[in-house]
Amino acid sequence: MGNSIHISRQFDAELEAIRANVLQMGGLVESQITSAVESLFGGDVALMTRVIEDDHRVNAMEVKIDECCAQVIARRQPTAGDLRLVMAVVKTITDLERIGDEAEKIARMAKLLSQKSSLHLPRYHEIKHAAELALDMLRKSLDTFARLDVVMAAQVVRLDAQVDDEFRAIMRYLITFMMEDPRTISTSLEILFVAKAIERIGDHAKNMAEYVIYMVKGRDVRHVSVEEIDREIQE
């Protein structure tokens, strides 16, 4: 009996360590996005370079956590809620790694834009607002993961529509901008890549929130309506 309790405590400690590592990875990714956006609007080439070079740290953390999850599955053979947690972690770190890739993409586009003779960012405020929304989604998703808060998870899912709307508005404007003055095509396309990266960050943050609902409720809510998610949470 005593040995069984000891093993159970060890298992709980391993799961808690994995959760802590996910939050640490999330903090690094959040920092990458913040720095990438800051470098874009501030024209800080050194900061852009640092974001690009630091992407390997995000990748390394994904590999490390993935290996920990594989070891837990092999040694502990988790079931029910514990298995859902491990599966959700594996999916979450994949989304975090991809968010890191989007941060790197923003930094690369920022570098290209900084090389223009005169930096002009059409729809500056809209891009900045979309970035703030996407970053807020990521922060809430990480908080949701830490607290296992399904109500906040549903809020994150709803926020994704706002980021999508911002992206579509920016895209429409940039298309008009390019049609009116073909000389702006190169710059506009680079800005469009930034806007798309921001929209993808929102998508990945939404995925992460959905995994939390899966962990807590045991139901996969990907590809279902927000109304269905709300009903699932209330049950």
C-alpha atoms as a PDB file:
ATOM      1  CA  MET A   1       0.000   0.000   0.000  1.00  0.00           C
ATOM      2  CA  GLY A   2       2.789   2.395   0.954  1.00  0.00           C
ATOM      3  CA  ASN A   3       4.664   1.677  -2.266  1.00  0.00           C
ATOM      4  CA  SER A   4       1.506   2.328  -4.290  1.00  0.00           C
ATOM      5  CA  ILE A   5       1.065   5.750  -2.648  1.00  0.00           C
ATOM      6  CA  HIS A   6       4.739   6.526  -3.305  1.00  0.00           C
ATOM      7  CA  ILE A   7       4.380   5.653  -6.995  1.00  0.00           C
ATOM      8  CA  SER A   8       1.207   7.733  -7.216  1.00  0.00           C
ATOM      9  CA  ARG A   9       2.972  10.744  -5.710  1.00  0.00           C
ATOM     10  CA  GLN A  10       5.887  10.313  -8.111  1.00  0.00           C
ATOM     11  CA  PHE A  11       3.456  10.207 -11.040  1.00  0.00           C
ATOM     12  CA  ASP A  12       1.674  13.352  -9.825  1.00  0.00           C
ATOM     13  CA  ALA A  13       5.052  15.105  -9.515  1.00  0.00           C
ATOM     14  CA  GLU A  14       5.985  14.088 -13.072  1.00  0.00           C
ATOM     15  CA  LEU A  15       2.705  15.422 -14.449  1.00  0.00           C
ATOM     16  CA  GLU A  16       3.116  18.661 -12.509  1.00  0.00           C
ATOM     17  CA  ALA A  17       6.661  19.056 -13.880  1.00  0.00           C
ATOM     18  CA  ILE A  18       5.331  18.622 -17.408  1.00  0.00           C
ATOM     19  CA  ARG A  19       2.642  21.254 -16.796  1.00  0.00           C
ATOM     20  CA  ALA A  20       5.272  23.650 -15.406  1.00  0.00           C
ATOM     21  CA  ASN A  21       7.462  23.098 -18.480  1.00  0.00           C
ATOM     22  CA  VAL A  22       4.542  23.864 -20.789  1.00  0.00           C
ATOM     23  CA  LEU A  23       3.934  27.154 -18.978  1.00  0.00           C
ATOM     24  CA  GLN A  24       7.642  27.962 -19.179  1.00  0.00           C
ATOM     25  CA  MET A  25       7.592  27.305 -22.925  1.00  0.00           C
ATOM     26  CA  GLY A  26       4.464  29.459 -23.187  1.00  0.00           C
ATOM     27  CA  GLY A  27       6.242  32.301 -21.398  1.00  0.00           C
ATOM     28  CA  LEU A  28       9.137  32.113 -23.865  1.00  0.00           C
ATOM     29  CA  VAL A  29       6.779  32.113 -26.860  1.00  0.00           C
ATOM     30  CA  GLU A  30       4.834  35.061 -25.428  1.00  0.00           C
ATOM     31  CA  SER A  31       8.115  36.951 -25.063  1.00  0.00           C
ATOM     32  CA  GLN A  32       9.018  36.103 -28.673  1.00  0.00           C
ATOM     33  CA  ILE A  33       5.752  37.559 -29.988  1.00  0.00           C
ATOM     34  CA  THR A  34       6.043  40.687 -27.852  1.00  0.00           C
ATOM     35  CA  SER A  35       9.601  41.280 -29.058  1.00  0.00           C
ATOM     36  CA  ALA A  36       8.738  40.588 -32.707  1.00  0.00           C
ATOM     37  CA  VAL A  37       5.854  43.073 -32.709  1.00  0.00           C
ATOM     38  CA  GLU A  38       7.904  45.633 -30.777  1.00  0.00           C
ATOM     39  CA  SER A  39      10.753  45.308 -33.282  1.00  0.00           C
ATOM     40  CA  LEU A  40       8.327  45.728 -36.200  1.00  0.00           C
ATOM     41  CA  PHE A  41       6.927  49.028 -34.980  1.00  0.00           C
ATOM     42  CA  GLY A  42      10.173  50.288 -33.431  1.00  0.00           C
ATOM     43  CA  GLY A  43      12.464  49.324 -36.316  1.00  0.00           C
ATOM     44  CA  ASP A  44      14.850  47.632 -33.853  1.00  0.00           C
ATOM     45  CA  VAL A  45      16.978  45.389 -36.096  1.00  0.00           C
ATOM     46  CA  ALA A  46      18.946  43.934 -33.163  1.00  0.00           C
ATOM     47  CA  LEU A  47      15.692  42.831 -31.532  1.00  0.00           C
ATOM     48  CA  MET A  48      14.477  41.320 -34.817  1.00  0.00           C
ATOM     49  CA  THR A  49      17.699  39.320 -35.058  1.00  0.00           C
ATOM     50  CA  ARG A  50      17.373  38.106 -31.467  1.00  0.00           C
ATOM     51  CA  VAL A  51      13.825  36.848 -32.074  1.00  0.00           C
ATOM     52  CA  ILE A  52      14.971  34.938 -35.164  1.00  0.00           C
ATOM     53  CA  GLU A  53      17.992  33.443 -33.402  1.00  0.00           C
ATOM     54  CA  ASP A  54      16.009  32.478 -30.271  1.00  0.00           C
ATOM     55  CA  ASP A  55      13.532  30.330 -32.202  1.00  0.00           C
ATOM     56  CA  HIS A  56      15.779  27.301 -31.592  1.00  0.00           C
ATOM     57  CA  ARG A  57      15.065  27.618 -27.852  1.00  0.00           C
ATOM     58  CA  VAL A  58      11.347  27.153 -28.470  1.00  0.00           C
ATOM     59  CA  ASN A  59      12.044  24.124 -30.668  1.00  0.00           C
ATOM     60  CA  ALA A  60      14.313  22.584 -28.020  1.00  0.00           C
ATOM     61  CA  MET A  61      11.638  22.977 -25.342  1.00  0.00           C
ATOM     62  CA  GLU A  62       9.073  21.260 -27.553  1.00  0.00           C
ATOM     63  CA  VAL A  63      11.409  18.281 -28.028  1.00  0.00           C
ATOM     64  CA  LYS A  64      12.177  18.103 -24.302  1.00  0.00           C
ATOM     65  CA  ILE A  65       8.507  18.127 -23.225  1.00  0.00           C
ATOM     66  CA  ASP A  66       7.578  15.672 -25.966  1.00  0.00           C
ATOM     67  CA  GLU A  67      10.205  13.255 -24.673  1.00  0.00           C
ATOM     68  CA  CYS A  68       8.908  13.630 -21.097  1.00  0.00           C
ATOM     69  CA  CYS A  69       5.370  12.829 -22.274  1.00  0.00           C
ATOM     70  CA  ALA A  70       6.568   9.749 -24.167  1.00  0.00           C
ATOM     71  CA  GLN A  71       8.396   8.511 -21.055  1.00  0.00           C
ATOM     72  CA  VAL A  72       5.310   9.028 -18.872  1.00  0.00           C
ATOM     73  CA  ILE A  73       3.136   7.076 -21.317  1.00  0.00           C
ATOM     74  CA  ALA A  74       5.682   4.234 -21.528  1.00  0.00           C
ATOM     75  CA  ARG A  75       6.345   3.970 -17.774  1.00  0.00           C
ATOM     76  CA  ARG A  76       3.034   4.941 -16.191  1.00  0.00           C
ATOM     77  CA  GLN A  77       0.489   3.933 -18.833  1.00  0.00           C
ATOM     78  CA  PRO A  78      -1.880   6.753 -17.764  1.00  0.00           C
ATOM     79  CA  THR A  79      -5.641   6.416 -18.161  1.00  0.00           C
ATOM     80  CA  ALA A  80      -8.704   8.676 -18.135  1.00  0.00           C
ATOM     81  CA  GLY A  81      -7.930  12.264 -17.037  1.00  0.00           C
ATOM     82  CA  ASP A  82      -4.185  11.706 -16.760  1.00  0.00           C
ATOM     83  CA  LEU A  83      -4.027  10.370 -20.314  1.00  0.00           C
ATOM     84  CA  ARG A  84      -6.078  13.328 -21.577  1.00  0.00           C
ATOM     85  CA  LEU A  85      -3.639  15.671 -19.854  1.00  0.00           C
ATOM     86  CA  VAL A  86      -0.616  14.086 -21.545  1.00  0.00           C
ATOM     87  CA  MET A  87      -2.335  14.064 -24.947  1.00  0.00           C
ATOM     88  CA  ALA A  88      -3.399  17.697 -24.533  1.00  0.00           C
ATOM     89  CA  VAL A  89       0.155  18.682 -23.576  1.00  0.00           C
ATOM     90  CA  VAL A  90       1.577  17.056 -26.719  1.00  0.00           C
ATOM     91  CA  LYS A  91      -0.905  18.998 -28.855  1.00  0.00           C
ATOM     92  CA  THR A  92      -0.386  22.238 -26.896  1.00  0.00           C
ATOM     93  CA  ILE A  93       3.389  22.279 -27.318  1.00  0.00           C
ATOM     94  CA  THR A  94       2.951  21.719 -31.061  1.00  0.00           C
ATOM     95  CA  ASP A  95       0.790  24.842 -31.218  1.00  0.00           C
ATOM     96  CA  LEU A  96       3.253  26.774 -29.048  1.00  0.00           C
ATOM     97  CA  GLU A  97       6.118  25.796 -31.363  1.00  0.00           C
ATOM     98  CA  ARG A  98       4.117  27.003 -34.349  1.00  0.00           C
ATOM     99  CA  ILE A  99       3.341  30.280 -32.582  1.00  0.00           C
ATOM    100  CA  GLY A 100       7.099  30.626 -32.106  1.00  0.00           C
ATOM    101  CA  ASP A 101       7.506  30.114 -35.861  1.00  0.00           C
ATOM    102  CA  GLU A 102       4.984  32.900 -36.515  1.00  0.00           C
ATOM    103  CA  ALA A 103       6.910  35.224 -34.181  1.00  0.00           C
ATOM    104  CA  GLU A 104      10.071  34.449 -36.149  1.00  0.00           C
ATOM    105  CA  LYS A 105       8.189  35.157 -39.397  1.00  0.00           C
ATOM    106  CA  ILE A 106       7.056  38.565 -38.087  1.00  0.00           C
ATOM    107  CA  ALA A 107      10.672  39.368 -37.160  1.00  0.00           C
ATOM    108  CA  ARG A 108      11.880  38.338 -40.646  1.00  0.00           C
ATOM    109  CA  MET A 109       9.245  40.490 -42.328  1.00  0.00           C
ATOM    110  CA  ALA A 110      10.157  43.344 -39.969  1.00  0.00           C
ATOM    111  CA  LYS A 111      13.764  43.032 -41.156  1.00  0.00           C
ATOM    112  CA  LEU A 112      12.718  43.292 -44.781  1.00  0.00           C
ATOM    113  CA  LEU A 113      10.517  46.295 -44.030  1.00  0.00           C
ATOM    114  CA  SER A 114      13.321  47.990 -42.088  1.00  0.00           C
ATOM    115  CA  GLN A 115      15.482  47.887 -45.222  1.00  0.00           C
ATOM    116  CA  LYS A 116      13.032  50.037 -47.177  1.00  0.00           C
ATOM    117  CA  SER A 117      14.191  53.572 -47.838  1.00  0.00           C
ATOM    118  CA  SER A 118      11.136  54.922 -46.011  1.00  0.00           C
ATOM    119  CA  LEU A 119       9.243  52.631 -43.674  1.00  0.00           C
ATOM    120  CA  HIS A 120       5.529  52.976 -44.246  1.00  0.00           C
ATOM    121  CA  LEU A 121       3.098  50.661 -42.494  1.00  0.00           C
ATOM    122  CA  PRO A 122      -0.400  50.949 -43.952  1.00  0.00           C
ATOM    123  CA  ARG A 123      -3.058  50.181 -41.349  1.00  0.00           C
ATOM    124  CA  TYR A 124      -0.516  50.560 -38.533  1.00  0.00           C
ATOM    125  CA  HIS A 125      -3.177  50.813 -35.810  1.00  0.00           C
ATOM    126  CA  GLU A 126      -5.175  47.840 -37.103  1.00  0.00           C
ATOM    127  CA  ILE A 127      -2.076  45.625 -37.246  1.00  0.00           C
ATOM    128  CA  LYS A 128      -1.073  46.682 -33.756  1.00  0.00           C
ATOM    129  CA  HIS A 129      -4.596  46.054 -32.454  1.00  0.00           C
ATOM    130  CA  ALA A 130      -4.738  42.601 -34.067  1.00  0.00           C
ATOM    131  CA  ALA A 131      -1.365  41.749 -32.510  1.00  0.00           C
ATOM    132  CA  GLU A 132      -2.596  42.851 -29.072  1.00  0.00           C
ATOM    133  CA  LEU A 133      -5.725  40.696 -29.461  1.00  0.00           C
ATOM    134  CA  ALA A 134      -3.711  37.630 -30.512  1.00  0.00           C
ATOM    135  CA  LEU A 135      -1.258  38.123 -27.656  1.00  0.00           C
ATOM    136  CA  ASP A 136      -4.164  38.461 -25.207  1.00  0.00           C
ATOM    137  CA  MET A 137      -5.573  35.179 -26.550  1.00  0.00           C
ATOM    138  CA  LEU A 138      -2.249  33.438 -25.938  1.00  0.00           C
ATOM    139  CA  ARG A 139      -1.966  34.799 -22.388  1.00  0.00           C
ATOM    140  CA  LYS A 140      -5.527  33.721 -21.599  1.00  0.00           C
ATOM    141  CA  SER A 141      -4.906  30.269 -23.105  1.00  0.00           C
ATOM    142  CA  LEU A 142      -1.847  29.773 -20.911  1.00  0.00           C
ATOM    143  CA  ASP A 143      -3.788  30.998 -17.873  1.00  0.00           C
ATOM    144  CA  THR A 144      -6.602  28.637 -18.817  1.00  0.00           C
ATOM    145  CA  PHE A 145      -4.119  25.757 -18.999  1.00  0.00           C
ATOM    146  CA  ALA A 146      -2.644  26.653 -15.611  1.00  0.00           C
ATOM    147  CA  ARG A 147      -6.055  26.924 -13.908  1.00  0.00           C
ATOM    148  CA  LEU A 148      -7.968  24.368 -15.997  1.00  0.00           C
ATOM    149  CA  ASP A 149     -10.560  27.119 -16.414  1.00  0.00           C
ATOM    150  CA  VAL A 150     -13.057  26.037 -19.082  1.00  0.00           C
ATOM    151  CA  VAL A 151     -15.059  29.284 -18.831  1.00  0.00           C
ATOM    152  CA  MET A 152     -12.011  31.330 -19.786  1.00  0.00           C
ATOM    153  CA  ALA A 153     -11.214  28.763 -22.479  1.00  0.00           C
ATOM    154  CA  ALA A 154     -14.583  29.488 -24.098  1.00  0.00           C
ATOM    155  CA  GLN A 155     -13.786  33.225 -23.959  1.00  0.00           C
ATOM    156  CA  VAL A 156     -10.558  32.575 -25.886  1.00  0.00           C
ATOM    157  CA  VAL A 157     -12.472  30.650 -28.554  1.00  0.00           C
ATOM    158  CA  ARG A 158     -14.838  33.591 -28.966  1.00  0.00           C
ATOM    159  CA  LEU A 159     -11.952  36.076 -29.251  1.00  0.00           C
ATOM    160  CA  ASP A 160     -10.630  34.288 -32.325  1.00  0.00           C
ATOM    161  CA  ALA A 161     -13.453  35.726 -34.433  1.00  0.00           C
ATOM    162  CA  GLN A 162     -12.241  39.255 -33.605  1.00  0.00           C
ATOM    163  CA  VAL A 163      -8.702  38.472 -34.762  1.00  0.00           C
ATOM    164  CA  ASP A 164     -10.097  36.960 -37.980  1.00  0.00           C
ATOM    165  CA  ASP A 165     -12.184  40.099 -38.590  1.00  0.00           C
ATOM    166  CA  GLU A 166      -9.121  42.319 -38.071  1.00  0.00           C
ATOM    167  CA  PHE A 167      -7.117  40.221 -40.543  1.00  0.00           C
ATOM    168  CA  ARG A 168      -9.819  40.388 -43.221  1.00  0.00           C
ATOM    169  CA  ALA A 169     -10.106  44.173 -42.819  1.00  0.00           C
ATOM    170  CA  ILE A 170      -6.327  44.606 -43.141  1.00  0.00           C
ATOM    171  CA  MET A 171      -6.226  42.303 -46.182  1.00  0.00           C
ATOM    172  CA  ARG A 172      -9.029  44.199 -47.954  1.00  0.00           C
ATOM    173  CA  TYR A 173      -7.291  47.500 -47.339  1.00  0.00           C
ATOM    174  CA  LEU A 174      -3.906  46.227 -48.549  1.00  0.00           C
ATOM    175  CA  ILE A 175      -5.427  44.836 -51.746  1.00  0.00           C
ATOM    176  CA  THR A 176      -6.967  48.248 -52.448  1.00  0.00           C
ATOM    177  CA  PHE A 177      -3.667  49.911 -51.565  1.00  0.00           C
ATOM    178  CA  MET A 178      -1.761  47.747 -54.069  1.00  0.00           C
ATOM    179  CA  MET A 179      -4.321  48.278 -56.827  1.00  0.00           C
ATOM    180  CA  GLU A 180      -4.155  52.038 -56.430  1.00  0.00           C
ATOM    181  CA  ASP A 181      -0.346  52.179 -56.427  1.00  0.00           C
ATOM    182  CA  PRO A 182       1.600  49.166 -57.783  1.00  0.00           C
ATOM    183  CA  ARG A 183       4.791  50.581 -56.246  1.00  0.00           C
ATOM    184  CA  THR A 184       3.447  49.575 -52.828  1.00  0.00           C
ATOM    185  CA  ILE A 185       3.009  45.877 -53.747  1.00  0.00           C
ATOM    186  CA  SER A 186       6.273  44.651 -52.187  1.00  0.00           C
ATOM    187  CA  THR A 187       5.743  46.477 -48.899  1.00  0.00           C
ATOM    188  CA  SER A 188       2.047  45.584 -48.766  1.00  0.00           C
ATOM    189  CA  LEU A 189       2.751  41.880 -49.277  1.00  0.00           C
ATOM    190  CA  GLU A 190       5.278  41.882 -46.437  1.00  0.00           C
ATOM    191  CA  ILE A 191       2.723  43.576 -44.181  1.00  0.00           C
ATOM    192  CA  LEU A 192       0.113  41.039 -45.294  1.00  0.00           C
ATOM    193  CA  PHE A 193       2.473  38.223 -44.239  1.00  0.00           C
ATOM    194  CA  VAL A 194       2.729  39.885 -40.817  1.00  0.00           C
ATOM    195  CA  ALA A 195      -1.058  40.164 -40.552  1.00  0.00           C
ATOM    196  CA  LYS A 196      -1.455  36.512 -41.550  1.00  0.00           C
ATOM    197  CA  ALA A 197       1.120  35.463 -38.936  1.00  0.00           C
ATOM    198  CA  ILE A 198      -0.884  37.346 -36.288  1.00  0.00           C
ATOM    199  CA  GLU A 199      -4.094  35.643 -37.442  1.00  0.00           C
ATOM    200  CA  ARG A 200      -2.380  32.235 -37.194  1.00  0.00           C
ATOM    201  CA  ILE A 201      -1.208  33.010 -33.652  1.00  0.00           C
ATOM    202  CA  GLY A 202      -4.866  33.538 -32.755  1.00  0.00           C
ATOM    203  CA  ASP A 203      -5.778  30.205 -34.347  1.00  0.00           C
ATOM    204  CA  HIS A 204      -3.124  28.342 -32.347  1.00  0.00           C
ATOM    205  CA  ALA A 205      -4.168  30.056 -29.101  1.00  0.00           C
ATOM    206  CA  LYS A 206      -7.756  28.999 -29.799  1.00  0.00           C
ATOM    207  CA  ASN A 207      -6.587  25.399 -30.308  1.00  0.00           C
ATOM    208  CA  MET A 208      -4.822  25.491 -26.943  1.00  0.00           C
ATOM    209  CA  ALA A 209      -8.000  26.674 -25.210  1.00  0.00           C
ATOM    210  CA  GLU A 210      -9.970  23.855 -26.832  1.00  0.00           C
ATOM    211  CA  TYR A 211      -7.469  21.293 -25.507  1.00  0.00           C
ATOM    212  CA  VAL A 212      -8.160  22.530 -21.968  1.00  0.00           C
ATOM    213  CA  ILE A 213     -11.873  21.883 -22.443  1.00  0.00           C
ATOM    214  CA  TYR A 214     -10.959  18.394 -23.662  1.00  0.00           C
ATOM    215  CA  MET A 215      -8.796  17.821 -20.575  1.00  0.00           C
ATOM    216  CA  VAL A 216     -11.496  18.899 -18.152  1.00  0.00           C
ATOM    217  CA  LYS A 217     -14.660  17.721 -19.893  1.00  0.00           C
ATOM    218  CA  GLY A 218     -13.357  14.762 -21.868  1.00  0.00           C
ATOM    219  CA  ARG A 219     -14.930  15.989 -25.103  1.00  0.00           C
ATOM    220  CA  ASP A 220     -13.083  17.102 -28.228  1.00  0.00           C
ATOM    221  CA  VAL A 221     -14.614  20.497 -29.077  1.00  0.00           C
ATOM    222  CA  ARG A 222     -12.536  21.224 -32.160  1.00  0.00           C
ATOM    223  CA  HIS A 223     -14.646  22.071 -35.210  1.00  0.00           C
ATOM    224  CA  VAL A 224     -17.816  22.703 -33.187  1.00  0.00           C
ATOM    225  CA  SER A 225     -19.666  25.992 -32.732  1.00  0.00           C
ATOM    226  CA  VAL A 226     -19.113  28.367 -29.841  1.00  0.00           C
ATOM    227  CA  GLU A 227     -22.713  27.698 -28.772  1.00  0.00           C
ATOM    228  CA  GLU A 228     -21.986  23.970 -28.504  1.00  0.00           C
ATOM    229  CA  ILE A 229     -18.862  24.706 -26.456  1.00  0.00           C
ATOM    230  CA  ASP A 230     -20.909  26.883 -24.084  1.00  0.00           C
ATOM    231  CA  ARG A 231     -23.423  24.064 -23.662  1.00  0.00           C
ATOM    232  CA  GLU A 232     -20.632  21.570 -22.981  1.00  0.00           C
ATOM    233  CA  ILE A 233     -19.154  23.806 -20.276  1.00  0.00           C
ATOM    234  CA  GLN A 234     -22.499  24.237 -18.531  1.00  0.00           C
ATOM    235  CA  GLU A 235     -23.130  20.492 -18.323  1.00  0.00           C
END
